C-alpha atoms as a PDB file:
ATOM      1  CA  MET A   1      36.944 -49.542  90.945  1.00  0.00           C
ATOM      2  CA  LEU A   2      35.769 -52.139  93.168  1.00  0.00           C
ATOM      3  CA  ASP A   3      38.779 -51.753  95.890  1.00  0.00           C
ATOM      4  CA  VAL A   4      37.597 -47.997  95.972  1.00  0.00           C
ATOM      5  CA  GLY A   5      34.095 -49.297  96.539  1.00  0.00           C
ATOM      6  CA  ILE A   6      35.281 -51.142  99.549  1.00  0.00           C
ATOM      7  CA  ARG A   7      37.265 -48.650 100.881  1.00  0.00           C
ATOM      8  CA  ILE A   8      34.045 -46.201 100.882  1.00  0.00           C
ATOM      9  CA  ILE A   9      31.935 -49.288 102.244  1.00  0.00           C
ATOM     10  CA  LEU A  10      34.377 -49.568 104.837  1.00  0.00           C
ATOM     11  CA  PHE A  11      34.532 -46.114 105.562  1.00  0.00           C
ATOM     12  CA  LEU A  12      30.795 -45.545 106.174  1.00  0.00           C
ATOM     13  CA  GLN A  13      30.530 -48.380 108.338  1.00  0.00           C
ATOM     14  CA  GLY A  14      33.639 -47.352 110.459  1.00  0.00           C
ATOM     15  CA  LEU A  15      30.795 -43.881 110.969  1.00  0.00           C
ATOM     16  CA  GLY A  16      29.551 -46.532 113.784  1.00  0.00           C
ATOM     17  CA  ALA A  17      26.318 -48.488 114.268  1.00  0.00           C
ATOM     18  CA  TRP A  18      23.918 -45.434 114.933  1.00  0.00           C
ATOM     19  CA  LEU A  19      23.454 -45.314 112.160  1.00  0.00           C
ATOM     20  CA  LEU A  20      22.399 -48.501 111.190  1.00  0.00           C
ATOM     21  CA  ALA A  21      18.857 -47.916 112.259  1.00  0.00           C
ATOM     22  CA  PRO A  22      18.269 -44.468 109.849  1.00  0.00           C
ATOM     23  CA  MET A  23      20.198 -46.874 107.260  1.00  0.00           C
ATOM     24  CA  ARG A  24      17.924 -49.485 107.697  1.00  0.00           C
ATOM     25  CA  LEU A  25      14.795 -47.278 107.212  1.00  0.00           C
ATOM     26  CA  LEU A  26      16.041 -45.621 104.446  1.00  0.00           C
ATOM     27  CA  THR A  27      16.369 -48.768 102.537  1.00  0.00           C
ATOM     28  CA  PHE A  28      12.903 -49.917 103.861  1.00  0.00           C
ATOM     29  CA  LEU A  29      11.557 -47.235 101.145  1.00  0.00           C
ATOM     30  CA  GLY A  30      13.098 -49.042  98.296  1.00  0.00           C
ATOM     31  CA  GLU A  31      11.679 -52.655  99.881  1.00  0.00           C
ATOM     32  CA  VAL A  32       8.966 -54.524  98.009  1.00  0.00           C
ATOM     33  CA  GLU A  33       7.170 -54.045 101.446  1.00  0.00           C
ATOM     34  CA  PHE A  34       7.304 -50.520 101.325  1.00  0.00           C
ATOM     35  CA  TYR A  35       5.580 -50.038  98.172  1.00  0.00           C
ATOM     36  CA  LEU A  36       3.133 -52.707  99.197  1.00  0.00           C
ATOM     37  CA  LEU A  37       1.864 -50.257 101.845  1.00  0.00           C
ATOM     38  CA  LEU A  38       1.996 -47.261  99.373  1.00  0.00           C
ATOM     39  CA  MET A  39       1.285 -48.165  96.107  1.00  0.00           C
ATOM     40  CA  PRO A  40      -2.902 -49.108  97.225  1.00  0.00           C
ATOM     41  CA  ALA A  41      -2.783 -45.954  99.287  1.00  0.00           C
ATOM     42  CA  LEU A  42      -2.389 -44.140  96.053  1.00  0.00           C
ATOM     43  CA  TYR A  43      -4.618 -46.388  94.445  1.00  0.00           C
ATOM     44  CA  TRP A  44      -7.829 -46.524  96.591  1.00  0.00           C
ATOM     45  CA  CYS A  45      -7.430 -43.134  98.655  1.00  0.00           C
ATOM     46  CA  TRP A  46      -5.871 -40.923  96.329  1.00  0.00           C
ATOM     47  CA  ASP A  47      -5.968 -41.261  92.520  1.00  0.00           C
ATOM     48  CA  ALA A  48      -6.785 -44.327  91.238  1.00  0.00           C
ATOM     49  CA  GLY A  49      -5.362 -43.172  88.031  1.00  0.00           C
ATOM     50  CA  LEU A  50      -1.772 -42.010  89.060  1.00  0.00           C
ATOM     51  CA  GLY A  51      -1.486 -45.319  91.296  1.00  0.00           C
ATOM     52  CA  LEU A  52      -2.190 -47.247  88.345  1.00  0.00           C
ATOM     53  CA  ARG A  53       0.645 -45.559  86.528  1.00  0.00           C
ATOM     54  CA  LEU A  54       2.969 -45.522  89.334  1.00  0.00           C
ATOM     55  CA  GLY A  55       2.024 -49.784  89.920  1.00  0.00           C
ATOM     56  CA  VAL A  56       2.871 -50.289  86.112  1.00  0.00           C
ATOM     57  CA  LEU A  57       6.070 -48.031  86.506  1.00  0.00           C
ATOM     58  CA  LEU A  58       7.033 -50.173  89.562  1.00  0.00           C
ATOM     59  CA  MET A  59       6.596 -53.025  87.719  1.00  0.00           C
ATOM     60  CA  VAL A  60       8.177 -52.636  84.361  1.00  0.00           C
ATOM     61  CA  SER A  61      11.356 -51.181  86.233  1.00  0.00           C
ATOM     62  CA  GLY A  62      11.628 -54.034  88.681  1.00  0.00           C
ATOM     63  CA  GLY A  63      11.065 -56.555  85.665  1.00  0.00           C
ATOM     64  CA  LEU A  64      14.263 -54.425  83.644  1.00  0.00           C
ATOM     65  CA  ASN A  65      16.222 -54.262  86.695  1.00  0.00           C
ATOM     66  CA  ASP A  66      16.181 -58.250  87.333  1.00  0.00           C
ATOM     67  CA  ALA A  67      16.887 -58.802  83.887  1.00  0.00           C
ATOM     68  CA  LEU A  68      19.843 -56.477  83.943  1.00  0.00           C
ATOM     69  CA  LYS A  69      21.225 -58.351  87.087  1.00  0.00           C
ATOM     70  CA  ILE A  70      21.010 -61.328  85.582  1.00  0.00           C
ATOM     71  CA  ALA A  71      22.605 -60.728  82.133  1.00  0.00           C
ATOM     72  CA  LEU A  72      25.305 -58.362  83.793  1.00  0.00           C
ATOM     73  CA  HIS A  73      25.953 -60.907  86.747  1.00  0.00           C
ATOM     74  CA  ARG A  74      27.905 -58.551  88.750  1.00  0.00           C
ATOM     75  CA  GLN A  75      28.738 -59.619  92.862  1.00  0.00           C
ATOM     76  CA  ARG A  76      27.749 -57.870  95.983  1.00  0.00           C
ATOM     77  CA  PRO A  77      30.923 -56.250  97.961  1.00  0.00           C
ATOM     78  CA  PHE A  78      30.185 -58.922 101.129  1.00  0.00           C
ATOM     79  CA  TRP A  79      30.673 -61.694  98.248  1.00  0.00           C
ATOM     80  CA  ILE A  80      34.242 -60.894  97.956  1.00  0.00           C
ATOM     81  CA  ASP A  81      35.496 -59.263 100.868  1.00  0.00           C
ATOM     82  CA  GLN A  82      34.679 -60.497 104.423  1.00  0.00           C
ATOM     83  CA  ARG A  83      35.977 -57.085 105.726  1.00  0.00           C
ATOM     84  CA  VAL A  84      32.136 -55.576 104.704  1.00  0.00           C
ATOM     85  CA  GLN A  85      29.445 -56.364 107.128  1.00  0.00           C
ATOM     86  CA  ALA A  86      26.575 -57.266 105.226  1.00  0.00           C
ATOM     87  CA  LEU A  87      23.754 -55.432 107.356  1.00  0.00           C
ATOM     88  CA  GLY A  88      20.611 -56.762 105.547  1.00  0.00           C
ATOM     89  CA  VAL A  89      20.172 -59.999 103.568  1.00  0.00           C
ATOM     90  CA  GLU A  90      19.937 -59.877  99.494  1.00  0.00           C
ATOM     91  CA  THR A  91      20.136 -63.307  97.438  1.00  0.00           C
ATOM     92  CA  ASN A  92      20.359 -61.904  94.060  1.00  0.00           C
ATOM     93  CA  PHE A  93      22.975 -60.114  91.797  1.00  0.00           C
ATOM     94  CA  GLY A  94      24.212 -56.461  92.763  1.00  0.00           C
ATOM     95  CA  PHE A  95      24.461 -54.293  89.276  1.00  0.00           C
ATOM     96  CA  PRO A  96      22.643 -52.385  88.816  1.00  0.00           C
ATOM     97  CA  SER A  97      20.898 -51.231  92.281  1.00  0.00           C
ATOM     98  CA  GLY A  98      16.978 -51.613  91.993  1.00  0.00           C
ATOM     99  CA  HIS A  99      16.669 -49.594  95.195  1.00  0.00           C
ATOM    100  CA  ALA A 100      18.518 -46.731  93.241  1.00  0.00           C
ATOM    101  CA  GLN A 101      16.661 -47.224  90.105  1.00  0.00           C
ATOM    102  CA  HIS A 102      13.229 -47.333  91.417  1.00  0.00           C
ATOM    103  CA  GLY A 103      13.954 -44.656  93.795  1.00  0.00           C
ATOM    104  CA  ILE A 104      14.642 -42.207  91.174  1.00  0.00           C
ATOM    105  CA  SER A 105      11.901 -43.578  88.350  1.00  0.00           C
ATOM    106  CA  PHE A 106       8.951 -44.014  91.018  1.00  0.00           C
ATOM    107  CA  TRP A 107       9.608 -40.853  93.228  1.00  0.00           C
ATOM    108  CA  GLY A 108      10.724 -38.895  89.875  1.00  0.00           C
ATOM    109  CA  ARG A 109       7.234 -39.559  88.802  1.00  0.00           C
ATOM    110  CA  LEU A 110       5.474 -38.973  92.138  1.00  0.00           C
ATOM    111  CA  ALA A 111       7.103 -35.448  92.236  1.00  0.00           C
ATOM    112  CA  GLN A 112       6.528 -34.648  88.839  1.00  0.00           C
ATOM    113  CA  ALA A 113       2.411 -35.525  89.758  1.00  0.00           C
ATOM    114  CA  SER A 114       2.846 -33.492  92.512  1.00  0.00           C
ATOM    115  CA  GLY A 115       3.375 -30.204  90.430  1.00  0.00           C
ATOM    116  CA  ARG A 116       5.481 -29.051  93.691  1.00  0.00           C
ATOM    117  CA  SER A 117       8.187 -26.751  93.028  1.00  0.00           C
ATOM    118  CA  TRP A 118       9.904 -28.236  96.106  1.00  0.00           C
ATOM    119  CA  ALA A 119       9.177 -32.046  94.921  1.00  0.00           C
ATOM    120  CA  TRP A 120      11.717 -32.791  92.648  1.00  0.00           C
ATOM    121  CA  PRO A 121      14.617 -31.538  95.010  1.00  0.00           C
ATOM    122  CA  ALA A 122      12.699 -33.841  97.702  1.00  0.00           C
ATOM    123  CA  ALA A 123      12.580 -36.669  95.042  1.00  0.00           C
ATOM    124  CA  LEU A 124      16.379 -36.456  94.194  1.00  0.00           C
ATOM    125  CA  VAL A 125      16.954 -36.360  97.974  1.00  0.00           C
ATOM    126  CA  LEU A 126      15.488 -39.252  98.730  1.00  0.00           C
ATOM    127  CA  ALA A 127      16.878 -41.297  95.881  1.00  0.00           C
ATOM    128  CA  PHE A 128      20.076 -40.194  96.977  1.00  0.00           C
ATOM    129  CA  LEU A 129      19.791 -41.206 100.451  1.00  0.00           C
ATOM    130  CA  ILE A 130      18.177 -44.148  99.573  1.00  0.00           C
ATOM    131  CA  GLY A 131      20.867 -45.433  97.467  1.00  0.00           C
ATOM    132  CA  LEU A 132      23.416 -44.203 100.411  1.00  0.00           C
ATOM    133  CA  SER A 133      22.172 -46.573 102.754  1.00  0.00           C
ATOM    134  CA  ARG A 134      22.623 -49.398 100.157  1.00  0.00           C
ATOM    135  CA  LEU A 135      26.210 -48.531 100.791  1.00  0.00           C
ATOM    136  CA  TYR A 136      26.322 -48.430 104.675  1.00  0.00           C
ATOM    137  CA  LEU A 137      24.867 -51.685 104.662  1.00  0.00           C
ATOM    138  CA  GLY A 138      27.152 -53.290 102.134  1.00  0.00           C
ATOM    139  CA  LEU A 139      24.883 -54.078  99.993  1.00  0.00           C
ATOM    140  CA  HIS A 140      26.123 -52.328  96.770  1.00  0.00           C
ATOM    141  CA  PHE A 141      28.947 -51.058  95.417  1.00  0.00           C
ATOM    142  CA  PRO A 142      28.936 -47.590  94.791  1.00  0.00           C
ATOM    143  CA  HIS A 143      28.866 -47.756  90.749  1.00  0.00           C
ATOM    144  CA  SER A 144      25.676 -49.888  91.076  1.00  0.00           C
ATOM    145  CA  LEU A 145      23.973 -46.933  93.049  1.00  0.00           C
ATOM    146  CA  VAL A 146      25.670 -44.664  89.850  1.00  0.00           C
ATOM    147  CA  VAL A 147      24.238 -47.144  87.118  1.00  0.00           C
ATOM    148  CA  GLY A 148      20.989 -47.458  88.763  1.00  0.00           C
ATOM    149  CA  TRP A 149      20.290 -43.912  88.982  1.00  0.00           C
ATOM    150  CA  ALA A 150      20.929 -43.552  85.447  1.00  0.00           C
ATOM    151  CA  VAL A 151      18.593 -46.482  84.315  1.00  0.00           C
ATOM    152  CA  GLY A 152      15.690 -45.055  86.581  1.00  0.00           C
ATOM    153  CA  ALA A 153      16.523 -41.678  85.172  1.00  0.00           C
ATOM    154  CA  LEU A 154      16.085 -43.487  81.593  1.00  0.00           C
ATOM    155  CA  ILE A 155      12.995 -45.356  82.404  1.00  0.00           C
ATOM    156  CA  LEU A 156      11.224 -42.487  83.935  1.00  0.00           C
ATOM    157  CA  TRP A 157      12.100 -39.841  80.748  1.00  0.00           C
ATOM    158  CA  ALA A 158      10.818 -42.956  78.435  1.00  0.00           C
ATOM    159  CA  PHE A 159       7.704 -43.231  80.688  1.00  0.00           C
ATOM    160  CA  LEU A 160       7.036 -39.502  80.787  1.00  0.00           C
ATOM    161  CA  ARG A 161       7.660 -39.554  76.839  1.00  0.00           C
ATOM    162  CA  TRP A 162       5.427 -42.221  75.987  1.00  0.00           C
ATOM    163  CA  GLU A 163       2.794 -42.507  78.748  1.00  0.00           C
ATOM    164  CA  ARG A 164       0.305 -40.119  77.411  1.00  0.00           C
ATOM    165  CA  PRO A 165       0.111 -41.474  73.848  1.00  0.00           C
ATOM    166  CA  VAL A 166       0.328 -45.093  75.019  1.00  0.00           C
ATOM    167  CA  SER A 167      -2.886 -44.250  77.217  1.00  0.00           C
ATOM    168  CA  ARG A 168      -4.910 -42.680  74.516  1.00  0.00           C
ATOM    169  CA  TRP A 169      -4.048 -45.510  72.372  1.00  0.00           C
ATOM    170  CA  LEU A 170      -5.706 -47.973  75.343  1.00  0.00           C
ATOM    171  CA  ARG A 171      -8.521 -46.167  75.665  1.00  0.00           C
ATOM    172  CA  ARG A 172      -9.746 -46.968  72.007  1.00  0.00           C
ATOM    173  CA  ARG A 173      -8.945 -50.521  72.938  1.00  0.00           C
ATOM    174  CA  THR A 174     -12.027 -52.809  73.624  1.00  0.00           C
ATOM    175  CA  TYR A 175     -11.721 -54.723  77.429  1.00  0.00           C
ATOM    176  CA  ARG A 176     -10.410 -58.150  75.293  1.00  0.00           C
ATOM    177  CA  GLU A 177      -8.017 -56.246  74.037  1.00  0.00           C
ATOM    178  CA  HIS A 178      -7.213 -54.714  77.241  1.00  0.00           C
ATOM    179  CA  LEU A 179      -6.645 -58.124  78.864  1.00  0.00           C
ATOM    180  CA  LEU A 180      -4.486 -59.317  75.714  1.00  0.00           C
ATOM    181  CA  ILE A 181      -2.097 -56.433  76.061  1.00  0.00           C
ATOM    182  CA  ALA A 182      -1.698 -56.762  80.047  1.00  0.00           C
ATOM    183  CA  PHE A 183      -0.803 -60.335  79.356  1.00  0.00           C
ATOM    184  CA  CYS A 184       1.443 -59.955  76.456  1.00  0.00           C
ATOM    185  CA  ALA A 185       3.207 -56.925  78.099  1.00  0.00           C
ATOM    186  CA  SER A 186       3.848 -59.475  81.233  1.00  0.00           C
ATOM    187  CA  LEU A 187       5.121 -61.966  79.570  1.00  0.00           C
ATOM    188  CA  ALA A 188       7.645 -59.794  77.305  1.00  0.00           C
ATOM    189  CA  LEU A 189       8.629 -58.358  80.495  1.00  0.00           C
ATOM    190  CA  PHE A 190       9.635 -61.983  81.996  1.00  0.00           C
ATOM    191  CA  GLY A 191      10.978 -62.306  78.525  1.00  0.00           C
ATOM    192  CA  LEU A 192      13.555 -60.394  79.260  1.00  0.00           C
ATOM    193  CA  SER A 193      14.948 -62.272  82.287  1.00  0.00           C
ATOM    194  CA  VAL A 194      14.729 -65.223  80.247  1.00  0.00           C
ATOM    195  CA  LEU A 195      16.785 -64.109  77.532  1.00  0.00           C
ATOM    196  CA  SER A 196      19.485 -62.977  80.136  1.00  0.00           C
ATOM    197  CA  LEU A 197      19.359 -65.953  81.276  1.00  0.00           C
ATOM    198  CA  VAL A 198      19.941 -67.691  78.135  1.00  0.00           C
ATOM    199  CA  SER A 199      22.336 -65.367  77.239  1.00  0.00           C
ATOM    200  CA  ALA A 200      24.369 -66.278  80.510  1.00  0.00           C
ATOM    201  CA  GLY A 201      24.734 -69.819  79.016  1.00  0.00           C
ATOM    202  CA  ASP A 202      27.066 -72.439  80.953  1.00  0.00           C
ATOM    203  CA  TRP A 203      27.961 -69.465  83.671  1.00  0.00           C
ATOM    204  CA  GLN A 204      27.839 -70.296  86.976  1.00  0.00           C
ATOM    205  CA  VAL A 205      27.942 -68.574  90.140  1.00  0.00           C
ATOM    206  CA  PRO A 206      31.714 -68.577  91.234  1.00  0.00           C
ATOM    207  CA  GLU A 207      31.747 -71.117  94.512  1.00  0.00           C
ATOM    208  CA  GLU A 208      33.861 -68.352  96.530  1.00  0.00           C
ATOM    209  CA  TRP A 209      30.899 -66.203  95.893  1.00  0.00           C
ATOM    210  CA  ALA A 210      28.395 -68.323  97.173  1.00  0.00           C
ATOM    211  CA  GLN A 211      30.415 -69.310 100.540  1.00  0.00           C
ATOM    212  CA  ALA A 212      31.177 -65.638 101.317  1.00  0.00           C
ATOM    213  CA  ALA A 213      27.388 -64.643 101.308  1.00  0.00           C
ATOM    214  CA  LEU A 214      26.672 -67.926 103.267  1.00  0.00           C
ATOM    215  CA  ALA A 215      28.964 -67.009 105.997  1.00  0.00           C
ATOM    216  CA  SER A 216      27.819 -63.534 105.873  1.00  0.00           C
ATOM    217  CA  VAL A 217      24.095 -63.750 105.938  1.00  0.00           C
ATOM    218  CA  GLY A 218      23.277 -67.336 106.791  1.00  0.00           C
ATOM    219  CA  GLU A 219      21.361 -67.666 103.715  1.00  0.00           C
ATOM    220  CA  PRO A 220      22.347 -69.286 100.259  1.00  0.00           C
ATOM    221  CA  ILE A 221      22.458 -67.140  96.847  1.00  0.00           C
ATOM    222  CA  ASP A 222      20.170 -68.062  93.955  1.00  0.00           C
ATOM    223  CA  PRO A 223      21.111 -65.026  92.171  1.00  0.00           C
ATOM    224  CA  LEU A 224      20.096 -66.309  88.711  1.00  0.00           C
ATOM    225  CA  SER A 225      16.699 -67.046  89.802  1.00  0.00           C
ATOM    226  CA  PRO A 226      14.190 -65.217  88.071  1.00  0.00           C
ATOM    227  CA  ARG A 227      11.678 -64.646  90.600  1.00  0.00           C
ATOM    228  CA  TYR A 228      11.617 -60.984  90.958  1.00  0.00           C
ATOM    229  CA  ALA A 229      10.859 -60.849  87.475  1.00  0.00           C
ATOM    230  CA  LEU A 230       7.715 -63.185  87.694  1.00  0.00           C
ATOM    231  CA  ILE A 231       6.614 -61.633  90.517  1.00  0.00           C
ATOM    232  CA  SER A 232       6.828 -57.936  88.296  1.00  0.00           C
ATOM    233  CA  ALA A 233       5.408 -59.746  85.536  1.00  0.00           C
ATOM    234  CA  GLY A 234       2.563 -61.369  87.699  1.00  0.00           C
ATOM    235  CA  VAL A 235       1.447 -57.843  89.295  1.00  0.00           C
ATOM    236  CA  LEU A 236       1.504 -56.060  86.262  1.00  0.00           C
ATOM    237  CA  PHE A 237      -0.457 -58.593  84.417  1.00  0.00           C
ATOM    238  CA  GLY A 238      -3.238 -58.735  87.356  1.00  0.00           C
ATOM    239  CA  MET A 239      -3.088 -54.678  87.521  1.00  0.00           C
ATOM    240  CA  GLY A 240      -3.851 -54.299  83.986  1.00  0.00           C
ATOM    241  CA  ALA A 241      -6.115 -57.029  83.973  1.00  0.00           C
ATOM    242  CA  GLY A 242      -8.202 -55.647  87.316  1.00  0.00           C
ATOM    243  CA  ALA A 243      -8.131 -51.828  85.855  1.00  0.00           C
ATOM    244  CA  ALA A 244      -9.394 -52.964  82.870  1.00  0.00           C
ATOM    245  CA  TRP A 245     -12.638 -55.090  84.493  1.00  0.00           C
ATOM    246  CA  GLN A 246     -13.214 -52.319  86.762  1.00  0.00           C
ATOM    247  CA  SER A 247     -13.286 -49.505  84.427  1.00  0.00           C
ATOM    248  CA  ARG A 248     -15.759 -51.498  82.379  1.00  0.00           C
ATOM    249  CA  ALA A 249     -17.899 -52.071  85.484  1.00  0.00           C
ATOM    250  CA  GLY A 250     -18.248 -48.437  85.837  1.00  0.00           C
ATOM    251  CA  GLY A 251     -15.014 -47.851  87.707  1.00  0.00           C
ATOM    252  CA  PHE A 252     -14.841 -45.860  91.354  1.00  0.00           C
ATOM    253  CA  ARG A 253     -13.679 -43.012  92.960  1.00  0.00           C
ATOM    254  CA  ALA A 254     -10.682 -42.893  95.416  1.00  0.00           C
ATOM    255  CA  ASP A 255     -11.821 -39.686  96.814  1.00  0.00           C
ATOM    256  CA  GLY A 256     -14.535 -39.406  99.798  1.00  0.00           C
ATOM    257  CA  PRO A 257     -14.448 -38.425 103.719  1.00  0.00           C
ATOM    258  CA  THR A 258     -11.279 -38.943 105.466  1.00  0.00           C
ATOM    259  CA  VAL A 259     -12.472 -41.801 107.608  1.00  0.00           C
ATOM    260  CA  LYS A 260     -13.664 -44.109 104.808  1.00  0.00           C
ATOM    261  CA  ARG A 261     -10.874 -43.744 102.966  1.00  0.00           C
ATOM    262  CA  LEU A 262      -9.155 -45.150 105.863  1.00  0.00           C
ATOM    263  CA  VAL A 263     -11.582 -48.014 106.335  1.00  0.00           C
ATOM    264  CA  ARG A 264     -10.595 -48.446 102.836  1.00  0.00           C
ATOM    265  CA  TYR A 265      -6.982 -48.793 103.185  1.00  0.00           C
ATOM    266  CA  LEU A 266      -7.020 -50.890 106.112  1.00  0.00           C
ATOM    267  CA  LEU A 267      -9.296 -53.400 105.001  1.00  0.00           C
ATOM    268  CA  GLY A 268      -7.908 -53.558 101.537  1.00  0.00           C
ATOM    269  CA  VAL A 269      -4.139 -53.577 102.865  1.00  0.00           C
ATOM    270  CA  ALA A 270      -4.930 -56.161 105.148  1.00  0.00           C
ATOM    271  CA  VAL A 271      -6.304 -58.672 102.412  1.00  0.00           C
ATOM    272  CA  LEU A 272      -3.760 -57.795 100.398  1.00  0.00           C
ATOM    273  CA  GLY A 273      -1.308 -58.703 102.987  1.00  0.00           C
ATOM    274  CA  ALA A 274      -2.607 -62.127 103.410  1.00  0.00           C
ATOM    275  CA  LEU A 275      -2.696 -62.607  99.869  1.00  0.00           C
ATOM    276  CA  TRP A 276       1.029 -61.735  99.177  1.00  0.00           C
ATOM    277  CA  PHE A 277       2.783 -63.309 102.319  1.00  0.00           C
ATOM    278  CA  GLY A 278       0.017 -65.870 102.474  1.00  0.00           C
ATOM    279  CA  LEU A 279       0.687 -67.806  98.834  1.00  0.00           C
ATOM    280  CA  ASP A 280       4.437 -66.597  99.192  1.00  0.00           C
ATOM    281  CA  ALA A 281       4.646 -69.158 102.010  1.00  0.00           C
ATOM    282  CA  VAL A 282       3.061 -71.924 100.233  1.00  0.00           C
ATOM    283  CA  VAL A 283       3.820 -71.567  96.407  1.00  0.00           C
ATOM    284  CA  PRO A 284       7.344 -73.546  95.959  1.00  0.00           C
ATOM    285  CA  ASP A 285      10.461 -72.068  94.608  1.00  0.00           C
ATOM    286  CA  ASP A 286      12.665 -75.068  93.289  1.00  0.00           C
ATOM    287  CA  GLY A 287      12.881 -73.569  89.770  1.00  0.00           C
ATOM    288  CA  SER A 288      10.454 -75.797  87.863  1.00  0.00           C
ATOM    289  CA  MET A 289       8.175 -74.381  85.647  1.00  0.00           C
ATOM    290  CA  LEU A 290       5.136 -75.601  87.823  1.00  0.00           C
ATOM    291  CA  SER A 291       6.585 -72.992  90.607  1.00  0.00           C
ATOM    292  CA  TRP A 292       7.083 -70.348  88.038  1.00  0.00           C
ATOM    293  CA  ALA A 293       3.595 -70.755  87.160  1.00  0.00           C
ATOM    294  CA  LEU A 294       2.214 -70.739  90.147  1.00  0.00           C
ATOM    295  CA  GLN A 295       4.388 -67.378  91.422  1.00  0.00           C
ATOM    296  CA  TYR A 296       3.193 -66.079  88.546  1.00  0.00           C
ATOM    297  CA  LEU A 297      -0.384 -66.409  89.001  1.00  0.00           C
ATOM    298  CA  SER A 298      -0.193 -65.692  92.733  1.00  0.00           C
ATOM    299  CA  ALA A 299       1.555 -62.141  91.913  1.00  0.00           C
ATOM    300  CA  ALA A 300      -1.068 -61.601  89.274  1.00  0.00           C
ATOM    301  CA  LEU A 301      -3.701 -62.076  91.952  1.00  0.00           C
ATOM    302  CA  ALA A 302      -2.240 -59.627  94.048  1.00  0.00           C
ATOM    303  CA  GLY A 303      -2.270 -57.145  91.355  1.00  0.00           C
ATOM    304  CA  ALA A 304      -5.853 -57.695  90.681  1.00  0.00           C
ATOM    305  CA  TRP A 305      -6.985 -57.109  94.229  1.00  0.00           C
ATOM    306  CA  VAL A 306      -5.486 -53.902  94.305  1.00  0.00           C
ATOM    307  CA  THR A 307      -7.372 -52.430  90.838  1.00  0.00           C
ATOM    308  CA  ALA A 308     -10.332 -54.725  91.004  1.00  0.00           C
ATOM    309  CA  GLY A 309     -10.985 -56.757  93.753  1.00  0.00           C
ATOM    310  CA  ALA A 310     -10.774 -54.310  96.769  1.00  0.00           C
ATOM    311  CA  PRO A 311     -12.566 -51.630  94.913  1.00  0.00           C
ATOM    312  CA  ALA A 312     -15.564 -54.237  94.179  1.00  0.00           C
ATOM    313  CA  LEU A 313     -15.705 -54.728  97.811  1.00  0.00           C
ATOM    314  CA  PHE A 314     -15.648 -51.060  98.609  1.00  0.00           C
ATOM    315  CA  LEU A 315     -18.171 -50.267  96.304  1.00  0.00           C
ATOM    316  CA  ARG A 316     -20.092 -53.023  98.298  1.00  0.00           C
ATOM    317  CA  LEU A 317     -19.551 -52.016 101.144  1.00  0.00           C
ATOM    318  CA  ARG A 318     -20.451 -48.214 100.537  1.00  0.00           C
ATOM    319  CA  LEU A 319     -17.169 -47.285 101.379  1.00  0.00           C
ATOM    320  CA  ALA A 320     -16.496 -45.557  97.774  1.00  0.00           C
ATOM    321  CA  ASP A 321     -18.900 -44.762  95.212  1.00  0.00           C
ATOM    322  CA  ARG A 322     -19.031 -45.359  91.510  1.00  0.00           C
ATOM    323  CA  GLU A 323     -18.712 -43.247  88.616  1.00  0.00           C
ATOM    324  CA  GLY A 324     -19.061 -43.528  85.306  1.00  0.00           C
ATOM    325  CA  GLY A 325     -15.110 -43.048  84.321  1.00  0.00           C
ATOM    326  CA  ALA A 326     -12.491 -45.430  85.238  1.00  0.00           C
ATOM    327  CA  GLY A 327     -12.092 -44.188  88.692  1.00  0.00           C
ATOM    328  CA  GLY A 328     -11.488 -41.174  90.827  1.00  0.00           C
ATOM    329  CA  GLY A 329      -8.633 -38.620  90.842  1.00  0.00           C
ATOM    330  CA  THR A 330      -7.129 -36.122  88.561  1.00  0.00           C
ATOM    331  CA  GLU A 331      -5.378 -38.609  85.904  1.00  0.00           C
ATOM    332  CA  GLY A 332      -8.171 -41.139  85.730  1.00  0.00           C
ATOM    333  CA  ALA A 333      -7.550 -45.184  86.050  1.00  0.00           C
ATOM    334  CA  THR A 334      -7.492 -45.615  82.359  1.00  0.00           C
ATOM    335  CA  GLY A 335      -5.984 -42.060  81.318  1.00  0.00           C
END
């Protein structure tokens, strides 16, 4: 299977360097930085309820993907075959593909919310192209994409099946219960990666993988680090706690004049970027318990800014209106 995958990757890379720019653009649509730009736009400027749901879906998918990668600890193509050009940098394990998994779950849920007949085919095509870009860039084997798509479809199905019952149950909970639920859910999500680490036992990354990766991209790999799961868990807690607080305070409306929406987005995403990249630059990543705690807290702060801090600022600056419910839009921030 690996040999067949290598041949497919080499064939795609042999089509020429003219594909590099469009493939990098497609792969960006599955990167954390892209979702960092898109999620606030949904929450602040379109539908807070849908934005919250998609954020939760994305964080759950991210945490599960990290746990699966650590548990299965499978290599990336350029770790085992120097003929494969690594046209991107990845330091974690490659199976299953997170880009493929998130592409199906996120874009599938957005397609379902749109209610447009063309949305589902468009979501499937986009998810496929994002996966194809990972092959061209030499970052995944074909079977990593197939399993990623399958896991993403399973997550999407489960989310659509249980989203409304869970939302109705949450509406009956108190503010303190919401905080506790958000915190416990985030710990459970991170706990999956901890269990994966425990199940790995004394397994170590083969030295030939580490040396090949270093030679290809110039950066050491650290695939047994649960950093991505910590970030997903922290953002999940921050978003949930922030949404509960904002709902208790009276909520805010995500609709309004286009100019106000644009100003909301530019102001909010500027602060979010400063928080995300600024804290990432100063928080240590040495594998200690302190670094884990700081990574979790910094991610939670970013999540809380999206669902609580930024809306509160928009209300104070009269860039948004308050409403008695839990947010503007058709789905509602808590339902």
